[in-house]
Amino acid sequence: MVIGGAVLILIVIISLCIAGVKRHSSKKQLAAGKEAVQACYDTFVKTLDGAVEASSATGKGEKGSFSDWFMEAYPEKKDAVLKAAQDGKISGEDIYAAVGETMHVVNDRYKGWLDDAKTAKKHGIYMKKGSSGKAAEVVVAGDICFAEDGFVLDHYDTVNDLSKCISPEILKITNDADVFYLNHEYCISERGEALEGKLYTFRAKPERMALLEEMGTDLVSLANNHVYDYGEDALLDTLDLLDEAKIPYVGGGRNIGEAKRPVYYVVNGVKIGFVAATNAEVVYYTPAAEEDSPGVLEAYDTAEYNRVIQDAAGQCDYLIAYIHWGPEDTNVYEQYQHDMGKEFLDAGADIVVGGHPHVLQGMEYIDGKPVIYSMGDFWFNDETKYTGLLKLDINDKGLKGMSFVPCLQTEYTTQYIKDKDEQAEFYEFFNGLSPNAELNDKGVFKEVEKKDE
C-alpha cells in the first residue's frame, strides 16, 4: 500500500511537471509569436512613408500594443499565426494566409476604422464579401450618359427593359462583379440651366438612378467634363442622389477634400483603392472643386493628382487611378497620355484607366504596369463602335489576371460580341492599338515585345 501510494504521488508530480513545462512552453511560444507579429507590423508601418501614421514607434495606441490587440482580435486564428511564427519571424503574407486579411486591412481594424459601417464609410472604406472567395473581381466600364434629350434613354423608354438595351450577358457580369465601376458622364437633377455656349450638355431625371442600380453599379467617377453641365445645383443634386442610392463616387465633390477623397473596397480581405481626376477640357466649363465650392479634381497640372495617388497608394493593396483625358473620336492616343500615365504609375498607381475619347485607344505596359488609354463609350449614343468591360482579378499579391470582354455599341444598345469570329476581329483590332500588349483568343491580356510601328 505504501509503495503503491508513493508511485501514485510520483505520477501526479511528474504530470504536474509536464503540465508546467507545457504551460511555460506555450507562454514562451505566445511571447515569441507576439514579438514576431509586432516586428511585422513595425516594418509595415515604416513602408508607408507617412501615409498612415503609426500610433508610436512601438506600435502602442488606444488599443494597446498592436501584438496584444492582434491576438485578441483574431482569437480563432491564434494557432495558425503562432505556427507561422514558430521560427521567430512572420510576414504580411503569412498573416494574410492565417487571418484572411492583408496588413492594410488589419491596420484599419487596429485604428478602429472598421468598427462599424458608418465609421468605415467616414474613411471611404466599403466592405464586401467576394463572390468567389478567392481573387476580387473589379469590372470597369467606360463612359455612360443618361441624357433626357435623345441618346440612349429615348430607346430605353421605348422598350422599357434594360436587358434590351444592354445584353443580359453584360448585365450578369456587371452585377456579379465584386466592384463595378464606370464613368458617370452627366448630371442627375431637375434643377439648373444648361451652361451657356456649351455644345453638348447632359442631364438625367432623378428616377434614372434606378438604371445604375439595376446595372449593379458600385462606384462612379465624376471626374469628367459633363457632370457640371447644368451648374452647381445640378452637381449637388447628383452627389445627394448618389449618396441616397449608396453609390460612392470619386473625382468630384462638394469641395476639394471630397473630390480628392479616395474610395476603398475591401473584398476578400484585400483593400482596393480608387481615385479619379480630369484633364479633358480645352474650354474650361467644368470648375475645379475648391475649399468651399463644388467641382471636380483637375489634373491639368499633375502635381496635385500625383499627391492624391501617392497618399491613396500608401493606404491600400492595389490602386486604380482613373483619368479623363485624350483627343476625342480617335483610336490613337497622344504622347502626353503616355507621359502622364507613367507619372501616375510612378506616383503609386498600379493601373491607369482612361476615358473621354469615346472610342477605344488600346493599352500599354509601362515598367510592367498597365495603362488603358481609353475605355470608350459604354452606353452613350447610337454610334456603332467597339467597347467592352475591363476585368481585373486582384488578390493579396496584386493583379492576378486581366481580361477584356468584347462588346459593340450600336443603335442605342450595347451588345456582347458572342460570335467567335467577331471576337477574333475585336481582339485583332484592340491588339493593333496596343504597342506591347495583346489579348489572346480568350480575351486575356499579356505583355509582349514592343511591336514595330
Protein backbone atom coordinates (compact mmCIF):
# COMPACT_ATOMS: atom_id res chain seq x y z
CA MET A 1 0.00 0.00 0.00
CA VAL A 2 2.85 2.36 0.90
CA ILE A 3 4.70 1.59 -2.32
CA GLY A 4 1.51 1.98 -4.37
CA GLY A 5 0.77 5.34 -2.78
CA ALA A 6 4.30 6.55 -3.44
CA VAL A 7 4.03 5.57 -7.09
CA LEU A 8 0.73 7.43 -7.38
CA ILE A 9 2.25 10.54 -5.82
CA LEU A 10 5.21 10.28 -8.17
CA ILE A 11 2.90 10.05 -11.17
CA VAL A 12 0.99 13.12 -10.02
CA ILE A 13 4.23 15.06 -9.52
CA ILE A 14 5.50 14.09 -12.97
CA SER A 15 2.16 15.05 -14.56
CA LEU A 16 2.23 18.43 -12.85
CA CYS A 17 5.80 18.99 -14.02
CA ILE A 18 4.88 18.10 -17.59
CA ALA A 19 1.87 20.41 -17.45
CA GLY A 20 4.07 23.17 -16.08
CA VAL A 21 6.61 22.67 -18.86
CA LYS A 22 3.82 22.79 -21.43
CA ARG A 23 2.41 25.98 -19.93
CA HIS A 24 5.86 27.52 -19.91
CA SER A 25 6.44 26.41 -23.49
CA SER A 26 3.04 27.75 -24.53
CA LYS A 27 3.73 31.10 -22.87
CA LYS A 28 7.13 31.21 -24.49
CA GLN A 29 5.61 30.41 -27.88
CA LEU A 30 2.94 33.09 -27.41
CA ALA A 31 5.53 35.67 -26.39
CA ALA A 32 7.71 34.81 -29.39
CA GLY A 33 4.69 34.92 -31.68
CA LYS A 34 3.60 38.31 -30.38
CA GLU A 35 7.12 39.64 -30.79
CA ALA A 36 7.18 38.44 -34.41
CA VAL A 37 3.75 39.97 -35.12
CA GLN A 38 4.82 43.29 -33.60
CA ALA A 39 8.02 43.29 -35.68
CA CYS A 40 5.98 42.61 -38.82
CA TYR A 41 3.66 45.50 -38.01
CA ASP A 42 6.52 47.88 -37.25
CA THR A 43 8.11 47.01 -40.59
CA PHE A 44 4.78 47.54 -42.34
CA VAL A 45 4.33 50.98 -40.78
CA LYS A 46 7.82 52.03 -41.89
CA THR A 47 6.97 51.20 -45.51
CA LEU A 48 4.03 53.59 -45.52
CA ASP A 49 6.24 56.69 -45.80
CA GLY A 50 3.93 58.68 -43.56
CA ALA A 51 0.75 57.89 -45.49
CA VAL A 52 -0.57 56.08 -42.42
CA GLU A 53 0.66 57.38 -39.09
CA ALA A 54 1.95 54.85 -36.60
CA SER A 55 0.49 55.30 -33.14
CA SER A 56 4.07 55.33 -31.82
CA ALA A 57 7.44 53.83 -32.62
CA THR A 58 6.49 50.76 -30.56
CA GLY A 59 3.06 50.42 -32.12
CA LYS A 60 1.14 51.30 -28.96
CA GLY A 61 -2.11 53.22 -29.25
CA GLU A 62 -5.53 53.44 -27.63
CA LYS A 63 -5.94 49.69 -28.05
CA GLY A 64 -2.56 48.88 -26.51
CA SER A 65 0.31 47.33 -28.40
CA PHE A 66 -0.51 46.03 -31.84
CA SER A 67 0.53 42.48 -30.98
CA ASP A 68 -1.65 42.34 -27.84
CA TRP A 69 -4.60 43.74 -29.76
CA PHE A 70 -3.98 41.38 -32.70
CA MET A 71 -4.07 38.21 -30.59
CA GLU A 72 -7.33 39.33 -29.00
CA ALA A 73 -8.88 40.49 -32.29
CA TYR A 74 -8.30 37.16 -34.08
CA PRO A 75 -8.56 34.54 -31.28
CA GLU A 76 -9.69 31.75 -33.58
CA LYS A 77 -6.66 32.37 -35.81
CA LYS A 78 -4.09 32.45 -32.99
CA ASP A 79 -2.83 28.89 -33.53
CA ALA A 80 -2.30 29.49 -37.24
CA VAL A 81 -0.40 32.72 -36.50
CA LEU A 82 1.80 31.07 -33.87
CA LYS A 83 2.55 28.19 -36.20
CA ALA A 84 3.59 30.61 -38.94
CA ALA A 85 5.79 32.49 -36.45
CA GLN A 86 7.46 29.45 -34.87
CA ASP A 87 10.84 30.39 -36.35
CA GLY A 88 10.58 33.83 -34.74
CA LYS A 89 9.51 35.64 -37.90
CA ILE A 90 6.23 36.30 -39.68
CA SER A 91 5.44 38.22 -42.87
CA GLY A 92 2.42 40.09 -44.12
CA GLU A 93 1.77 37.19 -46.49
CA ASP A 94 1.81 34.79 -43.53
CA ILE A 95 -0.68 36.97 -41.68
CA TYR A 96 -2.98 37.09 -44.71
CA ALA A 97 -2.80 33.30 -45.01
CA ALA A 98 -3.67 32.96 -41.33
CA VAL A 99 -6.40 35.57 -40.84
CA GLY A 100 -7.59 36.26 -44.42
CA GLU A 101 -6.81 40.00 -44.30
CA THR A 102 -3.84 42.00 -45.56
CA MET A 103 -1.80 44.24 -43.29
CA HIS A 104 -3.64 47.30 -44.63
CA VAL A 105 -6.98 45.84 -43.57
CA VAL A 106 -5.64 44.61 -40.24
CA ASN A 107 -4.16 48.06 -39.59
CA ASP A 108 -7.51 49.70 -40.36
CA ARG A 109 -9.12 47.41 -37.78
CA TYR A 110 -6.44 48.31 -35.25
CA LYS A 111 -7.15 52.00 -35.75
CA GLY A 112 -10.88 51.40 -35.29
CA TRP A 113 -11.76 52.40 -38.83
CA LEU A 114 -13.67 49.17 -39.42
CA ASP A 115 -15.54 49.06 -36.12
CA ASP A 116 -18.84 49.59 -37.97
CA ALA A 117 -20.10 50.51 -41.45
CA LYS A 118 -20.66 54.17 -40.53
CA THR A 119 -17.09 54.60 -39.28
CA ALA A 120 -15.69 52.75 -42.28
CA LYS A 121 -17.64 54.99 -44.67
CA LYS A 122 -16.23 58.05 -42.91
CA HIS A 123 -12.82 56.83 -44.02
CA GLY A 124 -14.02 55.97 -47.52
CA ILE A 125 -13.98 52.23 -46.89
CA TYR A 126 -16.67 49.77 -48.00
CA MET A 127 -16.63 46.09 -47.08
CA LYS A 128 -17.82 43.41 -49.50
CA LYS A 129 -17.75 39.65 -49.36
CA GLY A 130 -16.22 38.42 -52.59
CA SER A 131 -18.37 36.38 -54.92
CA SER A 132 -15.68 33.74 -55.42
CA GLY A 133 -13.91 33.69 -52.07
CA LYS A 134 -10.63 33.99 -53.97
CA ALA A 135 -9.41 36.95 -56.01
CA ALA A 136 -11.59 40.06 -56.00
CA GLU A 137 -13.12 40.84 -59.40
CA VAL A 138 -13.23 44.51 -60.34
CA VAL A 139 -15.07 45.30 -63.59
CA VAL A 140 -14.52 48.69 -65.22
CA ALA A 141 -16.67 50.21 -67.97
CA GLY A 142 -16.22 53.39 -69.97
CA ASP A 143 -18.46 56.43 -70.34
CA ILE A 144 -22.19 56.21 -69.70
CA CYS A 145 -24.59 59.05 -70.49
CA PHE A 146 -28.23 59.35 -69.47
CA ALA A 147 -29.32 62.49 -71.30
CA GLU A 148 -33.08 63.07 -71.48
CA ASP A 149 -32.95 64.90 -74.81
CA GLY A 150 -32.14 61.96 -77.05
CA PHE A 151 -29.36 59.40 -76.85
CA VAL A 152 -29.88 56.06 -75.10
CA LEU A 153 -32.79 57.00 -72.83
CA ASP A 154 -35.17 57.52 -75.75
CA HIS A 155 -34.53 53.92 -76.77
CA TYR A 156 -34.84 52.68 -73.19
CA ASP A 157 -38.17 54.47 -72.77
CA THR A 158 -39.41 52.75 -75.93
CA VAL A 159 -38.50 49.20 -74.86
CA ASN A 160 -38.68 49.80 -71.07
CA ASP A 161 -36.31 46.90 -70.46
CA LEU A 162 -32.63 47.37 -69.66
CA SER A 163 -31.78 43.90 -70.96
CA LYS A 164 -32.97 45.04 -74.40
CA CYS A 165 -30.51 47.92 -74.22
CA ILE A 166 -27.54 46.16 -72.67
CA SER A 167 -27.02 42.45 -73.32
CA PRO A 168 -28.06 40.12 -70.50
CA GLU A 169 -24.54 38.65 -70.63
CA ILE A 170 -23.09 42.09 -69.88
CA LEU A 171 -25.58 42.79 -67.09
CA LYS A 172 -24.72 39.47 -65.47
CA ILE A 173 -21.02 40.38 -65.48
CA THR A 174 -21.63 43.84 -64.01
CA ASN A 175 -23.96 42.53 -61.33
CA ASP A 176 -21.76 39.56 -60.43
CA ALA A 177 -18.63 41.71 -60.13
CA ASP A 178 -17.35 42.41 -56.65
CA VAL A 179 -16.91 46.02 -57.73
CA PHE A 180 -18.45 47.51 -60.88
CA TYR A 181 -17.02 50.94 -61.72
CA LEU A 182 -17.86 53.36 -64.55
CA ASN A 183 -17.62 56.99 -65.63
CA HIS A 184 -20.80 58.98 -64.82
CA GLU A 185 -20.78 61.37 -67.82
CA TYR A 186 -23.82 63.50 -66.92
CA CYS A 187 -25.54 65.19 -64.01
CA ILE A 188 -28.74 63.86 -62.49
CA SER A 189 -31.17 66.54 -61.36
CA GLU A 190 -34.25 68.55 -62.21
CA ARG A 191 -32.56 71.82 -61.38
CA GLY A 192 -30.20 74.13 -63.21
CA GLU A 193 -29.80 75.54 -66.71
CA ALA A 194 -27.58 74.25 -69.48
CA LEU A 195 -24.23 76.04 -69.47
CA GLU A 196 -24.27 78.85 -71.99
CA GLY A 197 -22.12 78.26 -75.04
CA LYS A 198 -21.53 74.56 -74.41
CA LEU A 199 -22.38 72.41 -77.43
CA TYR A 200 -23.37 69.22 -75.58
CA THR A 201 -24.99 69.25 -72.15
CA PHE A 202 -26.27 66.10 -70.44
CA ARG A 203 -28.80 65.81 -67.62
CA ALA A 204 -30.95 62.92 -66.41
CA LYS A 205 -34.04 62.85 -64.22
CA PRO A 206 -33.55 61.59 -60.65
CA GLU A 207 -35.54 58.42 -61.32
CA ARG A 208 -32.84 57.31 -63.77
CA MET A 209 -30.70 56.41 -60.78
CA ALA A 210 -32.57 53.11 -60.83
CA LEU A 211 -30.75 52.19 -64.04
CA LEU A 212 -27.36 52.46 -62.36
CA GLU A 213 -28.66 50.29 -59.55
CA GLU A 214 -30.06 47.72 -61.99
CA MET A 215 -26.64 47.53 -63.63
CA GLY A 216 -25.09 46.69 -60.26
CA THR A 217 -23.03 49.87 -60.08
CA ASP A 218 -20.76 50.01 -57.02
CA LEU A 219 -18.75 53.14 -57.79
CA VAL A 220 -18.67 56.01 -60.31
CA SER A 221 -16.15 58.60 -61.38
CA LEU A 222 -17.39 62.18 -61.57
CA ALA A 223 -14.07 63.46 -62.92
CA ASN A 224 -15.27 64.45 -66.37
CA ASN A 225 -16.45 67.39 -68.47
CA HIS A 226 -20.22 66.82 -68.24
CA VAL A 227 -21.07 66.38 -64.56
CA TYR A 228 -21.37 70.19 -64.23
CA ASP A 229 -23.36 70.72 -67.46
CA TYR A 230 -26.31 72.26 -65.57
CA GLY A 231 -24.36 74.15 -62.96
CA GLU A 232 -23.73 73.91 -59.25
CA ASP A 233 -27.23 72.96 -58.11
CA ALA A 234 -27.41 70.05 -60.53
CA LEU A 235 -23.99 68.79 -59.42
CA LEU A 236 -25.03 68.98 -55.77
CA ASP A 237 -28.21 67.06 -56.59
CA THR A 238 -26.09 64.44 -58.34
CA LEU A 239 -23.98 64.00 -55.21
CA ASP A 240 -27.05 63.77 -52.97
CA LEU A 241 -28.79 61.25 -55.20
CA LEU A 242 -25.69 59.05 -55.42
CA ASP A 243 -25.44 59.18 -51.63
CA GLU A 244 -29.10 58.17 -51.32
CA ALA A 245 -28.50 55.26 -53.71
CA LYS A 246 -25.44 54.26 -51.67
CA ILE A 247 -23.21 54.53 -54.73
CA PRO A 248 -19.84 56.05 -53.78
CA TYR A 249 -18.05 58.42 -56.15
CA VAL A 250 -14.54 59.71 -56.80
CA GLY A 251 -13.11 62.69 -58.65
CA GLY A 252 -15.83 65.19 -57.76
CA GLY A 253 -17.48 66.58 -54.68
CA ARG A 254 -18.88 69.44 -52.63
CA ASN A 255 -15.36 70.70 -52.00
CA ILE A 256 -11.77 69.83 -52.89
CA GLY A 257 -11.43 67.48 -49.93
CA GLU A 258 -14.34 65.41 -51.17
CA ALA A 259 -13.13 65.49 -54.79
CA LYS A 260 -9.69 64.24 -53.75
CA ARG A 261 -11.00 61.60 -51.38
CA PRO A 262 -10.25 58.02 -52.44
CA VAL A 263 -12.77 55.22 -52.15
CA TYR A 264 -11.62 51.82 -50.92
CA TYR A 265 -13.35 48.48 -51.29
CA VAL A 266 -12.23 45.64 -49.05
CA VAL A 267 -13.00 42.37 -50.82
CA ASN A 268 -11.83 39.00 -49.50
CA GLY A 269 -9.58 40.83 -47.07
CA VAL A 270 -7.80 42.85 -49.78
CA LYS A 271 -8.07 46.65 -49.83
CA ILE A 272 -8.53 48.10 -53.34
CA GLY A 273 -8.35 51.86 -53.84
CA PHE A 274 -9.89 54.17 -56.45
CA VAL A 275 -9.08 57.79 -57.33
CA ALA A 276 -10.05 59.94 -60.33
CA ALA A 277 -9.22 63.26 -61.99
CA THR A 278 -9.90 65.04 -65.28
CA ASN A 279 -7.68 66.64 -67.90
CA ALA A 280 -10.22 66.78 -70.72
CA GLU A 281 -11.43 70.30 -71.46
CA VAL A 282 -9.97 72.78 -73.94
CA VAL A 283 -12.52 75.38 -72.81
CA TYR A 284 -12.92 75.13 -69.03
CA TYR A 285 -16.67 74.85 -68.45
CA THR A 286 -16.30 72.48 -65.50
CA PRO A 287 -14.87 74.15 -62.39
CA ALA A 288 -12.25 72.64 -60.16
CA ALA A 289 -13.50 71.88 -56.68
CA GLU A 290 -12.16 74.31 -54.10
CA GLU A 291 -12.12 74.53 -50.34
CA ASP A 292 -15.68 75.85 -50.15
CA SER A 293 -17.13 75.17 -53.61
CA PRO A 294 -18.12 72.05 -55.56
CA GLY A 295 -16.48 70.76 -58.70
CA VAL A 296 -14.08 68.12 -59.97
CA LEU A 297 -10.49 67.16 -59.28
CA GLU A 298 -8.42 68.56 -62.14
CA ALA A 299 -5.13 67.20 -63.46
CA TYR A 300 -4.08 69.84 -65.99
CA ASP A 301 -1.18 70.32 -63.61
CA THR A 302 -0.50 66.76 -62.50
CA ALA A 303 1.22 67.61 -59.21
CA GLU A 304 -1.94 67.56 -57.09
CA TYR A 305 -3.25 64.32 -58.59
CA ASN A 306 0.16 62.73 -58.14
CA ARG A 307 -0.04 63.56 -54.43
CA VAL A 308 -3.57 62.12 -54.25
CA ILE A 309 -2.31 58.93 -55.89
CA GLN A 310 0.72 58.72 -53.62
CA ASP A 311 -1.35 59.14 -50.47
CA ALA A 312 -4.01 56.64 -51.57
CA ALA A 313 -1.42 54.07 -52.66
CA GLY A 314 0.03 54.14 -49.16
CA GLN A 315 -3.28 53.05 -47.69
CA CYS A 316 -4.28 50.14 -49.90
CA ASP A 317 -3.03 46.96 -51.53
CA TYR A 318 -3.91 47.90 -55.12
CA LEU A 319 -4.74 51.33 -56.55
CA ILE A 320 -6.78 52.05 -59.69
CA ALA A 321 -6.28 55.61 -60.97
CA TYR A 322 -8.86 56.92 -63.45
CA ILE A 323 -8.11 59.88 -65.73
CA HIS A 324 -10.43 61.71 -68.13
CA TRP A 325 -8.13 62.76 -70.97
CA GLY A 326 -7.08 62.47 -74.59
CA PRO A 327 -8.30 63.51 -78.04
CA GLU A 328 -11.89 62.63 -78.91
CA ASP A 329 -13.03 60.24 -81.63
CA THR A 330 -9.62 58.83 -82.47
CA ASN A 331 -8.21 55.42 -81.59
CA VAL A 332 -4.69 56.86 -81.42
CA TYR A 333 -3.52 58.12 -78.05
CA GLU A 334 -1.08 61.00 -77.79
CA GLN A 335 2.44 61.14 -76.36
CA TYR A 336 1.33 63.26 -73.42
CA GLN A 337 -1.03 60.47 -72.36
CA HIS A 338 1.89 58.05 -72.25
CA ASP A 339 4.00 60.53 -70.28
CA MET A 340 1.18 61.35 -67.87
CA GLY A 341 0.29 57.69 -67.43
CA LYS A 342 3.89 56.96 -66.45
CA GLU A 343 3.74 59.81 -63.93
CA PHE A 344 0.67 58.31 -62.29
CA LEU A 345 2.24 54.86 -62.15
CA ASP A 346 5.43 56.30 -60.68
CA ALA A 347 3.34 58.12 -58.08
CA GLY A 348 1.96 54.79 -56.88
CA ALA A 349 -0.94 53.74 -59.11
CA ASP A 350 -0.98 50.05 -60.01
CA ILE A 351 -3.07 50.64 -63.13
CA VAL A 352 -4.22 53.74 -65.01
CA VAL A 353 -7.61 53.65 -66.75
CA GLY A 354 -8.61 56.44 -69.12
CA GLY A 355 -11.79 57.76 -70.65
CA HIS A 356 -13.16 60.71 -72.69
CA PRO A 357 -12.13 59.89 -76.30
CA HIS A 358 -15.45 57.97 -76.79
CA VAL A 359 -13.56 55.17 -78.54
CA LEU A 360 -11.05 52.52 -77.50
CA GLN A 361 -7.39 53.55 -77.61
CA GLY A 362 -5.66 50.32 -76.68
CA MET A 363 -3.32 49.71 -73.79
CA GLU A 364 0.36 49.74 -72.94
CA TYR A 365 2.53 48.23 -70.25
CA ILE A 366 4.86 50.82 -68.74
CA ASP A 367 7.51 49.29 -66.49
CA GLY A 368 5.30 46.24 -66.17
CA LYS A 369 2.15 48.12 -65.15
CA PRO A 370 -0.88 48.61 -67.45
CA VAL A 371 -2.27 51.84 -68.84
CA ILE A 372 -5.68 51.52 -70.54
CA TYR A 373 -5.72 54.70 -72.59
CA SER A 374 -9.46 54.82 -73.22
CA MET A 375 -12.35 52.54 -72.36
CA GLY A 376 -14.53 54.31 -74.92
CA ASP A 377 -18.29 54.75 -74.62
CA PHE A 378 -20.01 52.01 -72.66
CA TRP A 379 -23.62 53.05 -73.34
CA PHE A 380 -23.79 56.55 -74.73
CA ASN A 381 -25.45 57.07 -78.13
CA ASP A 382 -26.43 55.44 -81.43
CA GLU A 383 -22.96 55.29 -82.97
CA THR A 384 -21.54 51.90 -83.89
CA LYS A 385 -18.20 51.36 -82.18
CA TYR A 386 -16.29 48.79 -80.19
CA THR A 387 -16.42 48.96 -76.41
CA GLY A 388 -16.14 46.45 -73.60
CA LEU A 389 -15.56 45.65 -69.96
CA LEU A 390 -12.16 45.51 -68.29
CA LYS A 391 -11.96 42.68 -65.75
CA LEU A 392 -9.29 42.83 -63.05
CA ASP A 393 -8.69 39.88 -60.73
CA ILE A 394 -6.91 41.19 -57.65
CA ASN A 395 -5.57 39.22 -54.69
CA ASP A 396 -3.28 40.00 -51.77
CA LYS A 397 -0.25 39.92 -54.07
CA GLY A 398 -1.69 42.35 -56.62
CA LEU A 399 -3.04 41.84 -60.12
CA LYS A 400 -3.59 38.13 -60.64
CA GLY A 401 -5.17 38.46 -64.09
CA MET A 402 -6.61 41.00 -66.51
CA SER A 403 -9.02 40.42 -69.37
CA PHE A 404 -11.39 42.29 -71.68
CA VAL A 405 -15.00 41.44 -72.52
CA PRO A 406 -15.63 42.39 -76.18
CA CYS A 407 -18.74 44.47 -76.80
CA LEU A 408 -20.26 46.63 -79.51
CA GLN A 409 -22.29 49.79 -79.01
CA THR A 410 -24.77 50.23 -81.85
CA GLU A 411 -28.21 51.80 -82.35
CA TYR A 412 -28.56 52.93 -78.72
CA THR A 413 -27.64 49.49 -77.35
CA THR A 414 -24.51 47.80 -76.08
CA GLN A 415 -24.19 44.19 -77.15
CA TYR A 416 -21.90 41.40 -76.04
CA ILE A 417 -19.97 40.01 -79.01
CA LYS A 418 -20.78 36.29 -78.93
CA ASP A 419 -19.59 35.08 -82.33
CA LYS A 420 -16.05 33.67 -82.14
CA ASP A 421 -15.02 35.11 -85.50
CA GLU A 422 -16.30 38.54 -84.48
CA GLN A 423 -14.49 38.21 -81.17
CA ALA A 424 -11.29 37.44 -83.06
CA GLU A 425 -11.79 40.57 -85.15
CA PHE A 426 -12.26 42.60 -81.98
CA TYR A 427 -9.08 41.23 -80.40
CA GLU A 428 -7.11 41.86 -83.59
CA PHE A 429 -8.41 45.44 -83.65
CA PHE A 430 -7.52 46.06 -80.00
CA ASN A 431 -4.10 44.47 -80.36
CA GLY A 432 -3.40 46.77 -83.28
CA LEU A 433 -3.89 49.74 -80.96
CA SER A 434 -1.60 48.38 -78.25
CA PRO A 435 2.19 48.72 -78.62
CA ASN A 436 3.29 45.98 -76.23
CA ALA A 437 0.14 44.19 -75.10
CA GLU A 438 -2.05 41.52 -76.63
CA LEU A 439 -5.39 39.90 -75.98
CA ASN A 440 -5.46 36.17 -76.66
CA ASP A 441 -8.48 34.32 -78.03
CA LYS A 442 -9.94 34.20 -74.50
CA GLY A 443 -9.66 37.96 -74.07
CA VAL A 444 -6.80 37.67 -71.57
CA PHE A 445 -4.05 40.30 -71.61
CA LYS A 446 -0.35 39.59 -71.73
CA GLU A 447 2.70 41.79 -72.15
CA VAL A 448 4.68 41.25 -75.37
CA GLU A 449 7.73 42.70 -77.06
CA LYS A 450 7.11 46.18 -78.41
CA LYS A 451 5.68 45.87 -81.89
CA ASP A 452 7.09 47.54 -84.98
CA GLU A 453 5.21 50.71 -85.82
